Amino acid sequence: MENSTKYEILYIIRPDINDEAKQELIARFDKILTDLGTEIVESKDWAKKRLAYEINDYREGIYHLITLNAENADGINEFDRLARINRDILRHMITKVEA
């Protein structure tokens, strides 16, 4: 991807999700990105951490980090839209990485 931009997406998964459902969630959201032409460099669990403040009655969450390259924002915009309405994702943040 020659004219691609690097991004990081950090999202917090609810802590009481079972492992199989968590893997399905990660695979589904990775696929949303790749189906729309985004190249995933890495998609990994970062840590289970205590939240600074309670979100939806949860005091901790599973942090998942995706590093990616994108030539356009289609996949990122769709990820953003679907992450907002998914009950298993408590919060997400998309960051453009400056070269």
PDB file of N, CA and C in Angstrom:
ATOM      1  N   MET A   1       0.855  -1.190   0.000  1.00  0.00           N
ATOM      2  CA  MET A   1       0.000   0.000   0.000  1.00  0.00           C
ATOM      3  C   MET A   1       0.889   1.237   0.000  1.00  0.00           C
ATOM      4  N   GLU A   2       1.075   1.780  -1.175  1.00  0.00           N
ATOM      5  CA  GLU A   2       2.024   2.865  -1.329  1.00  0.00           C
ATOM      6  C   GLU A   2       1.566   4.172  -0.693  1.00  0.00           C
ATOM      7  N   ASN A   3       0.356   4.580  -0.967  1.00  0.00           N
ATOM      8  CA  ASN A   3      -0.155   5.847  -0.432  1.00  0.00           C
ATOM      9  C   ASN A   3      -1.024   5.630   0.802  1.00  0.00           C
ATOM     10  N   SER A   4      -0.627   4.678   1.611  1.00  0.00           N
ATOM     11  CA  SER A   4      -1.464   4.361   2.766  1.00  0.00           C
ATOM     12  C   SER A   4      -1.081   5.194   3.982  1.00  0.00           C
ATOM     13  N   THR A   5      -2.038   5.301   4.866  1.00  0.00           N
ATOM     14  CA  THR A   5      -1.856   5.994   6.125  1.00  0.00           C
ATOM     15  C   THR A   5      -1.893   4.963   7.234  1.00  0.00           C
ATOM     16  N   LYS A   6      -1.027   5.119   8.225  1.00  0.00           N
ATOM     17  CA  LYS A   6      -1.005   4.193   9.364  1.00  0.00           C
ATOM     18  C   LYS A   6      -2.006   4.671  10.417  1.00  0.00           C
ATOM     19  N   TYR A   7      -2.723   3.723  11.000  1.00  0.00           N
ATOM     20  CA  TYR A   7      -3.680   3.998  12.061  1.00  0.00           C
ATOM     21  C   TYR A   7      -3.491   2.983  13.176  1.00  0.00           C
ATOM     22  N   GLU A   8      -3.956   3.355  14.349  1.00  0.00           N
ATOM     23  CA  GLU A   8      -4.120   2.418  15.452  1.00  0.00           C
ATOM     24  C   GLU A   8      -5.555   2.542  15.941  1.00  0.00           C
ATOM     25  N   ILE A   9      -6.147   1.413  16.210  1.00  0.00           N
ATOM     26  CA  ILE A   9      -7.472   1.378  16.825  1.00  0.00           C
ATOM     27  C   ILE A   9      -7.316   0.646  18.151  1.00  0.00           C
ATOM     28  N   LEU A  10      -7.714   1.305  19.214  1.00  0.00           N
ATOM     29  CA  LEU A  10      -7.718   0.686  20.526  1.00  0.00           C
ATOM     30  C   LEU A  10      -9.175   0.588  20.958  1.00  0.00           C
ATOM     31  N   TYR A  11      -9.616  -0.610  21.278  1.00  0.00           N
ATOM     32  CA  TYR A  11     -10.985  -0.728  21.782  1.00  0.00           C
ATOM     33  C   TYR A  11     -11.037  -1.570  23.039  1.00  0.00           C
ATOM     34  N   ILE A  12     -12.055  -1.293  23.841  1.00  0.00           N
ATOM     35  CA  ILE A  12     -12.219  -1.961  25.131  1.00  0.00           C
ATOM     36  C   ILE A  12     -13.433  -2.887  25.047  1.00  0.00           C
ATOM     37  N   ILE A  13     -13.175  -4.165  25.283  1.00  0.00           N
ATOM     38  CA  ILE A  13     -14.216  -5.188  25.249  1.00  0.00           C
ATOM     39  C   ILE A  13     -14.702  -5.425  26.668  1.00  0.00           C
ATOM     40  N   ARG A  14     -16.006  -5.634  26.817  1.00  0.00           N
ATOM     41  CA  ARG A  14     -16.543  -5.870  28.169  1.00  0.00           C
ATOM     42  C   ARG A  14     -15.843  -7.071  28.798  1.00  0.00           C
ATOM     43  N   PRO A  15     -15.536  -7.003  30.100  1.00  0.00           N
ATOM     44  CA  PRO A  15     -14.697  -8.020  30.743  1.00  0.00           C
ATOM     45  C   PRO A  15     -15.373  -9.366  30.962  1.00  0.00           C
ATOM     46  N   ASP A  16     -16.694  -9.424  30.964  1.00  0.00           N
ATOM     47  CA  ASP A  16     -17.375 -10.688  31.265  1.00  0.00           C
ATOM     48  C   ASP A  16     -17.759 -11.484  30.009  1.00  0.00           C
ATOM     49  N   ILE A  17     -17.205 -11.120  28.871  1.00  0.00           N
ATOM     50  CA  ILE A  17     -17.470 -11.860  27.637  1.00  0.00           C
ATOM     51  C   ILE A  17     -16.693 -13.182  27.704  1.00  0.00           C
ATOM     52  N   ASN A  18     -17.287 -14.268  27.187  1.00  0.00           N
ATOM     53  CA  ASN A  18     -16.529 -15.525  27.212  1.00  0.00           C
ATOM     54  C   ASN A  18     -15.510 -15.518  26.074  1.00  0.00           C
ATOM     55  N   ASP A  19     -14.509 -16.376  26.180  1.00  0.00           N
ATOM     56  CA  ASP A  19     -13.375 -16.328  25.256  1.00  0.00           C
ATOM     57  C   ASP A  19     -13.786 -16.571  23.805  1.00  0.00           C
ATOM     58  N   GLU A  20     -14.695 -17.507  23.586  1.00  0.00           N
ATOM     59  CA  GLU A  20     -15.143 -17.807  22.221  1.00  0.00           C
ATOM     60  C   GLU A  20     -15.844 -16.596  21.605  1.00  0.00           C
ATOM     61  N   ALA A  21     -16.718 -15.966  22.376  1.00  0.00           N
ATOM     62  CA  ALA A  21     -17.435 -14.780  21.887  1.00  0.00           C
ATOM     63  C   ALA A  21     -16.468 -13.626  21.635  1.00  0.00           C
ATOM     64  N   LYS A  22     -15.442 -13.517  22.479  1.00  0.00           N
ATOM     65  CA  LYS A  22     -14.432 -12.461  22.296  1.00  0.00           C
ATOM     66  C   LYS A  22     -13.674 -12.684  20.993  1.00  0.00           C
ATOM     67  N   GLN A  23     -13.261 -13.925  20.737  1.00  0.00           N
ATOM     68  CA  GLN A  23     -12.531 -14.228  19.495  1.00  0.00           C
ATOM     69  C   GLN A  23     -13.405 -13.944  18.270  1.00  0.00           C
ATOM     70  N   GLU A  24     -14.702 -14.277  18.352  1.00  0.00           N
ATOM     71  CA  GLU A  24     -15.626 -14.010  17.240  1.00  0.00           C
ATOM     72  C   GLU A  24     -15.773 -12.508  17.016  1.00  0.00           C
ATOM     73  N   LEU A  25     -15.862 -11.751  18.104  1.00  0.00           N
ATOM     74  CA  LEU A  25     -15.987 -10.293  18.018  1.00  0.00           C
ATOM     75  C   LEU A  25     -14.751  -9.695  17.329  1.00  0.00           C
ATOM     76  N   ILE A  26     -13.571 -10.116  17.759  1.00  0.00           N
ATOM     77  CA  ILE A  26     -12.315  -9.616  17.180  1.00  0.00           C
ATOM     78  C   ILE A  26     -12.240  -9.979  15.702  1.00  0.00           C
ATOM     79  N   ALA A  27     -12.565 -11.226  15.368  1.00  0.00           N
ATOM     80  CA  ALA A  27     -12.529 -11.667  13.968  1.00  0.00           C
ATOM     81  C   ALA A  27     -13.511 -10.867  13.117  1.00  0.00           C
ATOM     82  N   ARG A  28     -14.711 -10.610  13.664  1.00  0.00           N
ATOM     83  CA  ARG A  28     -15.733  -9.856  12.929  1.00  0.00           C
ATOM     84  C   ARG A  28     -15.266  -8.432  12.655  1.00  0.00           C
ATOM     85  N   PHE A  29     -14.673  -7.789  13.662  1.00  0.00           N
ATOM     86  CA  PHE A  29     -14.246  -6.404  13.474  1.00  0.00           C
ATOM     87  C   PHE A  29     -12.962  -6.315  12.634  1.00  0.00           C
ATOM     88  N   ASP A  30     -12.083  -7.312  12.711  1.00  0.00           N
ATOM     89  CA  ASP A  30     -10.931  -7.355  11.805  1.00  0.00           C
ATOM     90  C   ASP A  30     -11.413  -7.479  10.356  1.00  0.00           C
ATOM     91  N   LYS A  31     -12.429  -8.325  10.144  1.00  0.00           N
ATOM     92  CA  LYS A  31     -12.966  -8.573   8.797  1.00  0.00           C
ATOM     93  C   LYS A  31     -13.642  -7.323   8.230  1.00  0.00           C
ATOM     94  N   ILE A  32     -14.305  -6.553   9.070  1.00  0.00           N
ATOM     95  CA  ILE A  32     -14.920  -5.293   8.618  1.00  0.00           C
ATOM     96  C   ILE A  32     -13.845  -4.419   7.978  1.00  0.00           C
ATOM     97  N   LEU A  33     -12.686  -4.366   8.622  1.00  0.00           N
ATOM     98  CA  LEU A  33     -11.581  -3.554   8.110  1.00  0.00           C
ATOM     99  C   LEU A  33     -11.027  -4.136   6.808  1.00  0.00           C
ATOM    100  N   THR A  34     -10.705  -5.430   6.803  1.00  0.00           N
ATOM    101  CA  THR A  34     -10.059  -6.026   5.625  1.00  0.00           C
ATOM    102  C   THR A  34     -11.008  -6.098   4.435  1.00  0.00           C
ATOM    103  N   ASP A  35     -12.299  -6.308   4.662  1.00  0.00           N
ATOM    104  CA  ASP A  35     -13.273  -6.351   3.560  1.00  0.00           C
ATOM    105  C   ASP A  35     -13.330  -5.028   2.803  1.00  0.00           C
ATOM    106  N   LEU A  36     -12.991  -3.939   3.493  1.00  0.00           N
ATOM    107  CA  LEU A  36     -13.040  -2.619   2.857  1.00  0.00           C
ATOM    108  C   LEU A  36     -11.636  -2.109   2.503  1.00  0.00           C
ATOM    109  N   GLY A  37     -10.695  -3.044   2.334  1.00  0.00           N
ATOM    110  CA  GLY A  37      -9.390  -2.702   1.784  1.00  0.00           C
ATOM    111  C   GLY A  37      -8.328  -2.242   2.764  1.00  0.00           C
ATOM    112  N   THR A  38      -8.590  -2.384   4.055  1.00  0.00           N
ATOM    113  CA  THR A  38      -7.600  -1.992   5.052  1.00  0.00           C
ATOM    114  C   THR A  38      -6.667  -3.162   5.332  1.00  0.00           C
ATOM    115  N   GLU A  39      -5.379  -2.891   5.421  1.00  0.00           N
ATOM    116  CA  GLU A  39      -4.396  -3.928   5.718  1.00  0.00           C
ATOM    117  C   GLU A  39      -4.092  -3.917   7.216  1.00  0.00           C
ATOM    118  N   ILE A  40      -4.372  -5.043   7.878  1.00  0.00           N
ATOM    119  CA  ILE A  40      -4.088  -5.160   9.310  1.00  0.00           C
ATOM    120  C   ILE A  40      -2.647  -5.639   9.476  1.00  0.00           C
ATOM    121  N   VAL A  41      -1.845  -4.853  10.170  1.00  0.00           N
ATOM    122  CA  VAL A  41      -0.460  -5.221  10.456  1.00  0.00           C
ATOM    123  C   VAL A  41      -0.433  -6.131  11.676  1.00  0.00           C
ATOM    124  N   GLU A  42      -1.232  -5.782  12.686  1.00  0.00           N
ATOM    125  CA  GLU A  42      -1.284  -6.569  13.918  1.00  0.00           C
ATOM    126  C   GLU A  42      -2.631  -6.332  14.604  1.00  0.00           C
ATOM    127  N   SER A  43      -3.182  -7.399  15.176  1.00  0.00           N
ATOM    128  CA  SER A  43      -4.419  -7.310  15.950  1.00  0.00           C
ATOM    129  C   SER A  43      -4.208  -8.177  17.184  1.00  0.00           C
ATOM    130  N   LYS A  44      -4.105  -7.545  18.352  1.00  0.00           N
ATOM    131  CA  LYS A  44      -3.736  -8.325  19.542  1.00  0.00           C
ATOM    132  C   LYS A  44      -4.404  -7.784  20.802  1.00  0.00           C
ATOM    133  N   ASP A  45      -4.633  -8.708  21.730  1.00  0.00           N
ATOM    134  CA  ASP A  45      -5.080  -8.298  23.056  1.00  0.00           C
ATOM    135  C   ASP A  45      -3.911  -7.604  23.733  1.00  0.00           C
ATOM    136  N   TRP A  46      -4.194  -6.500  24.375  1.00  0.00           N
ATOM    137  CA  TRP A  46      -3.149  -5.742  25.038  1.00  0.00           C
ATOM    138  C   TRP A  46      -3.129  -6.111  26.520  1.00  0.00           C
ATOM    139  N   ALA A  47      -4.246  -5.896  27.202  1.00  0.00           N
ATOM    140  CA  ALA A  47      -4.307  -6.207  28.632  1.00  0.00           C
ATOM    141  C   ALA A  47      -5.738  -6.073  29.121  1.00  0.00           C
ATOM    142  N   LYS A  48      -6.004  -6.707  30.274  1.00  0.00           N
ATOM    143  CA  LYS A  48      -7.254  -6.466  30.985  1.00  0.00           C
ATOM    144  C   LYS A  48      -6.895  -5.434  32.046  1.00  0.00           C
ATOM    145  N   LYS A  49      -7.552  -4.302  32.013  1.00  0.00           N
ATOM    146  CA  LYS A  49      -7.165  -3.206  32.908  1.00  0.00           C
ATOM    147  C   LYS A  49      -8.378  -2.639  33.630  1.00  0.00           C
ATOM    148  N   ARG A  50      -8.085  -2.057  34.746  1.00  0.00           N
ATOM    149  CA  ARG A  50      -9.100  -1.316  35.491  1.00  0.00           C
ATOM    150  C   ARG A  50      -9.350  -0.012  34.762  1.00  0.00           C
ATOM    151  N   LEU A  51     -10.611   0.347  34.617  1.00  0.00           N
ATOM    152  CA  LEU A  51     -10.974   1.587  33.926  1.00  0.00           C
ATOM    153  C   LEU A  51     -10.841   2.782  34.869  1.00  0.00           C
ATOM    154  N   ALA A  52     -10.547   3.926  34.316  1.00  0.00           N
ATOM    155  CA  ALA A  52     -10.417   5.148  35.116  1.00  0.00           C
ATOM    156  C   ALA A  52     -11.770   5.525  35.731  1.00  0.00           C
ATOM    157  N   TYR A  53     -12.836   5.196  35.007  1.00  0.00           N
ATOM    158  CA  TYR A  53     -14.185   5.442  35.518  1.00  0.00           C
ATOM    159  C   TYR A  53     -15.083   4.328  34.998  1.00  0.00           C
ATOM    160  N   GLU A  54     -16.198   4.146  35.673  1.00  0.00           N
ATOM    161  CA  GLU A  54     -17.109   3.065  35.327  1.00  0.00           C
ATOM    162  C   GLU A  54     -17.773   3.338  33.980  1.00  0.00           C
ATOM    163  N   ILE A  55     -17.835   2.320  33.135  1.00  0.00           N
ATOM    164  CA  ILE A  55     -18.528   2.417  31.851  1.00  0.00           C
ATOM    165  C   ILE A  55     -19.568   1.302  31.812  1.00  0.00           C
ATOM    166  N   ASN A  56     -20.829   1.662  31.670  1.00  0.00           N
ATOM    167  CA  ASN A  56     -21.917   0.669  31.605  1.00  0.00           C
ATOM    168  C   ASN A  56     -21.848  -0.333  32.754  1.00  0.00           C
ATOM    169  N   ASP A  57     -21.574   0.142  33.952  1.00  0.00           N
ATOM    170  CA  ASP A  57     -21.474  -0.675  35.164  1.00  0.00           C
ATOM    171  C   ASP A  57     -20.232  -1.566  35.215  1.00  0.00           C
ATOM    172  N   TYR A  58     -19.303  -1.405  34.285  1.00  0.00           N
ATOM    173  CA  TYR A  58     -18.057  -2.189  34.311  1.00  0.00           C
ATOM    174  C   TYR A  58     -16.931  -1.343  34.891  1.00  0.00           C
ATOM    175  N   ARG A  59     -16.113  -1.988  35.715  1.00  0.00           N
ATOM    176  CA  ARG A  59     -14.965  -1.303  36.321  1.00  0.00           C
ATOM    177  C   ARG A  59     -13.647  -1.675  35.640  1.00  0.00           C
ATOM    178  N   GLU A  60     -13.686  -2.694  34.761  1.00  0.00           N
ATOM    179  CA  GLU A  60     -12.493  -3.062  34.010  1.00  0.00           C
ATOM    180  C   GLU A  60     -12.905  -3.504  32.615  1.00  0.00           C
ATOM    181  N   GLY A  61     -11.919  -3.597  31.729  1.00  0.00           N
ATOM    182  CA  GLY A  61     -12.203  -4.000  30.362  1.00  0.00           C
ATOM    183  C   GLY A  61     -10.982  -4.648  29.734  1.00  0.00           C
ATOM    184  N   ILE A  62     -11.213  -5.368  28.634  1.00  0.00           N
ATOM    185  CA  ILE A  62     -10.137  -6.021  27.897  1.00  0.00           C
ATOM    186  C   ILE A  62      -9.751  -5.078  26.750  1.00  0.00           C
ATOM    187  N   TYR A  63      -8.520  -4.609  26.792  1.00  0.00           N
ATOM    188  CA  TYR A  63      -8.037  -3.692  25.766  1.00  0.00           C
ATOM    189  C   TYR A  63      -7.503  -4.494  24.577  1.00  0.00           C
ATOM    190  N   HIS A  64      -7.944  -4.130  23.371  1.00  0.00           N
ATOM    191  CA  HIS A  64      -7.487  -4.795  22.148  1.00  0.00           C
ATOM    192  C   HIS A  64      -6.940  -3.730  21.208  1.00  0.00           C
ATOM    193  N   LEU A  65      -5.765  -3.995  20.644  1.00  0.00           N
ATOM    194  CA  LEU A  65      -5.082  -3.012  19.807  1.00  0.00           C
ATOM    195  C   LEU A  65      -4.902  -3.542  18.392  1.00  0.00           C
ATOM    196  N   ILE A  66      -5.279  -2.716  17.411  1.00  0.00           N
ATOM    197  CA  ILE A  66      -5.079  -3.058  16.002  1.00  0.00           C
ATOM    198  C   ILE A  66      -4.168  -1.995  15.393  1.00  0.00           C
ATOM    199  N   THR A  67      -3.119  -2.438  14.711  1.00  0.00           N
ATOM    200  CA  THR A  67      -2.260  -1.552  13.936  1.00  0.00           C
ATOM    201  C   THR A  67      -2.586  -1.832  12.480  1.00  0.00           C
ATOM    202  N   LEU A  68      -2.795  -0.779  11.674  1.00  0.00           N
ATOM    203  CA  LEU A  68      -3.229  -1.012  10.307  1.00  0.00           C
ATOM    204  C   LEU A  68      -2.761   0.068   9.350  1.00  0.00           C
ATOM    205  N   ASN A  69      -2.841  -0.272   8.061  1.00  0.00           N
ATOM    206  CA  ASN A  69      -2.571   0.665   6.975  1.00  0.00           C
ATOM    207  C   ASN A  69      -3.837   0.776   6.137  1.00  0.00           C
ATOM    208  N   ALA A  70      -4.180   1.988   5.732  1.00  0.00           N
ATOM    209  CA  ALA A  70      -5.374   2.179   4.927  1.00  0.00           C
ATOM    210  C   ALA A  70      -5.117   3.233   3.860  1.00  0.00           C
ATOM    211  N   GLU A  71      -5.556   2.942   2.635  1.00  0.00           N
ATOM    212  CA  GLU A  71      -5.442   3.912   1.546  1.00  0.00           C
ATOM    213  C   GLU A  71      -6.605   4.887   1.575  1.00  0.00           C
ATOM    214  N   ASN A  72      -7.717   4.442   2.150  1.00  0.00           N
ATOM    215  CA  ASN A  72      -8.864   5.342   2.339  1.00  0.00           C
ATOM    216  C   ASN A  72      -9.500   5.000   3.679  1.00  0.00           C
ATOM    217  N   ALA A  73     -10.450   5.804   4.081  1.00  0.00           N
ATOM    218  CA  ALA A  73     -11.025   5.658   5.421  1.00  0.00           C
ATOM    219  C   ALA A  73     -12.286   4.792   5.447  1.00  0.00           C
ATOM    220  N   ASP A  74     -12.614   4.117   4.360  1.00  0.00           N
ATOM    221  CA  ASP A  74     -13.865   3.344   4.303  1.00  0.00           C
ATOM    222  C   ASP A  74     -13.968   2.311   5.422  1.00  0.00           C
ATOM    223  N   GLY A  75     -12.930   1.498   5.579  1.00  0.00           N
ATOM    224  CA  GLY A  75     -12.947   0.458   6.610  1.00  0.00           C
ATOM    225  C   GLY A  75     -12.968   1.046   8.009  1.00  0.00           C
ATOM    226  N   ILE A  76     -12.215   2.111   8.198  1.00  0.00           N
ATOM    227  CA  ILE A  76     -12.144   2.757   9.510  1.00  0.00           C
ATOM    228  C   ILE A  76     -13.485   3.396   9.870  1.00  0.00           C
ATOM    229  N   ASN A  77     -14.110   4.037   8.895  1.00  0.00           N
ATOM    230  CA  ASN A  77     -15.426   4.647   9.144  1.00  0.00           C
ATOM    231  C   ASN A  77     -16.474   3.600   9.483  1.00  0.00           C
ATOM    232  N   GLU A  78     -16.428   2.462   8.792  1.00  0.00           N
ATOM    233  CA  GLU A  78     -17.395   1.391   9.061  1.00  0.00           C
ATOM    234  C   GLU A  78     -17.119   0.757  10.421  1.00  0.00           C
ATOM    235  N   PHE A  79     -15.852   0.564  10.762  1.00  0.00           N
ATOM    236  CA  PHE A  79     -15.487   0.063  12.088  1.00  0.00           C
ATOM    237  C   PHE A  79     -16.050   0.997  13.154  1.00  0.00           C
ATOM    238  N   ASP A  80     -15.818   2.287  12.986  1.00  0.00           N
ATOM    239  CA  ASP A  80     -16.280   3.305  13.931  1.00  0.00           C
ATOM    240  C   ASP A  80     -17.797   3.235  14.110  1.00  0.00           C
ATOM    241  N   ARG A  81     -18.508   3.166  12.995  1.00  0.00           N
ATOM    242  CA  ARG A  81     -19.976   3.134  13.026  1.00  0.00           C
ATOM    243  C   ARG A  81     -20.485   1.898  13.781  1.00  0.00           C
ATOM    244  N   LEU A  82     -19.926   0.736  13.467  1.00  0.00           N
ATOM    245  CA  LEU A  82     -20.405  -0.502  14.084  1.00  0.00           C
ATOM    246  C   LEU A  82     -19.941  -0.658  15.536  1.00  0.00           C
ATOM    247  N   ALA A  83     -18.762  -0.143  15.855  1.00  0.00           N
ATOM    248  CA  ALA A  83     -18.270  -0.227  17.238  1.00  0.00           C
ATOM    249  C   ALA A  83     -19.144   0.611  18.172  1.00  0.00           C
ATOM    250  N   ARG A  84     -19.679   1.712  17.664  1.00  0.00           N
ATOM    251  CA  ARG A  84     -20.549   2.585  18.482  1.00  0.00           C
ATOM    252  C   ARG A  84     -21.832   1.878  18.929  1.00  0.00           C
ATOM    253  N   ILE A  85     -22.323   0.945  18.088  1.00  0.00           N
ATOM    254  CA  ILE A  85     -23.600   0.302  18.403  1.00  0.00           C
ATOM    255  C   ILE A  85     -23.453  -1.117  18.934  1.00  0.00           C
ATOM    256  N   ASN A  86     -22.200  -1.580  19.100  1.00  0.00           N
ATOM    257  CA  ASN A  86     -21.975  -2.942  19.590  1.00  0.00           C
ATOM    258  C   ASN A  86     -21.881  -2.923  21.117  1.00  0.00           C
ATOM    259  N   ARG A  87     -22.716  -3.722  21.769  1.00  0.00           N
ATOM    260  CA  ARG A  87     -22.757  -3.721  23.238  1.00  0.00           C
ATOM    261  C   ARG A  87     -21.519  -4.347  23.875  1.00  0.00           C
ATOM    262  N   ASP A  88     -20.784  -5.160  23.120  1.00  0.00           N
ATOM    263  CA  ASP A  88     -19.585  -5.811  23.673  1.00  0.00           C
ATOM    264  C   ASP A  88     -18.377  -4.877  23.693  1.00  0.00           C
ATOM    265  N   ILE A  89     -18.430  -3.807  22.889  1.00  0.00           N
ATOM    266  CA  ILE A  89     -17.334  -2.830  22.857  1.00  0.00           C
ATOM    267  C   ILE A  89     -17.756  -1.625  23.693  1.00  0.00           C
ATOM    268  N   LEU A  90     -17.031  -1.416  24.806  1.00  0.00           N
ATOM    269  CA  LEU A  90     -17.393  -0.337  25.727  1.00  0.00           C
ATOM    270  C   LEU A  90     -16.959   1.028  25.194  1.00  0.00           C
ATOM    271  N   ARG A  91     -15.753   1.093  24.634  1.00  0.00           N
ATOM    272  CA  ARG A  91     -15.211   2.332  24.073  1.00  0.00           C
ATOM    273  C   ARG A  91     -14.219   1.967  22.981  1.00  0.00           C
ATOM    274  N   HIS A  92     -14.008   2.890  22.053  1.00  0.00           N
ATOM    275  CA  HIS A  92     -12.959   2.689  21.055  1.00  0.00           C
ATOM    276  C   HIS A  92     -12.360   4.035  20.681  1.00  0.00           C
ATOM    277  N   MET A  93     -11.122   3.977  20.215  1.00  0.00           N
ATOM    278  CA  MET A  93     -10.421   5.187  19.831  1.00  0.00           C
ATOM    279  C   MET A  93      -9.596   4.873  18.584  1.00  0.00           C
ATOM    280  N   ILE A  94      -9.728   5.734  17.563  1.00  0.00           N
ATOM    281  CA  ILE A  94      -8.988   5.573  16.329  1.00  0.00           C
ATOM    282  C   ILE A  94      -7.964   6.688  16.235  1.00  0.00           C
ATOM    283  N   THR A  95      -6.708   6.328  16.037  1.00  0.00           N
ATOM    284  CA  THR A  95      -5.628   7.315  16.010  1.00  0.00           C
ATOM    285  C   THR A  95      -4.860   7.185  14.702  1.00  0.00           C
ATOM    286  N   LYS A  96      -4.634   8.320  14.063  1.00  0.00           N
ATOM    287  CA  LYS A  96      -3.786   8.351  12.871  1.00  0.00           C
ATOM    288  C   LYS A  96      -2.347   8.456  13.357  1.00  0.00           C
ATOM    289  N   VAL A  97      -1.476   7.566  12.895  1.00  0.00           N
ATOM    290  CA  VAL A  97      -0.080   7.547  13.325  1.00  0.00           C
ATOM    291  C   VAL A  97       0.743   8.391  12.344  1.00  0.00           C
ATOM    292  N   GLU A  98       1.365   9.427  12.845  1.00  0.00           N
ATOM    293  CA  GLU A  98       2.195  10.284  11.993  1.00  0.00           C
ATOM    294  C   GLU A  98       3.508   9.572  11.675  1.00  0.00           C
ATOM    295  N   ALA A  99       3.931   9.659  10.435  1.00  0.00           N
ATOM    296  CA  ALA A  99       5.163   8.975  10.000  1.00  0.00           C
ATOM    297  C   ALA A  99       6.403   9.613  10.592  1.00  0.00           C
TER     298      ALA A  99
END
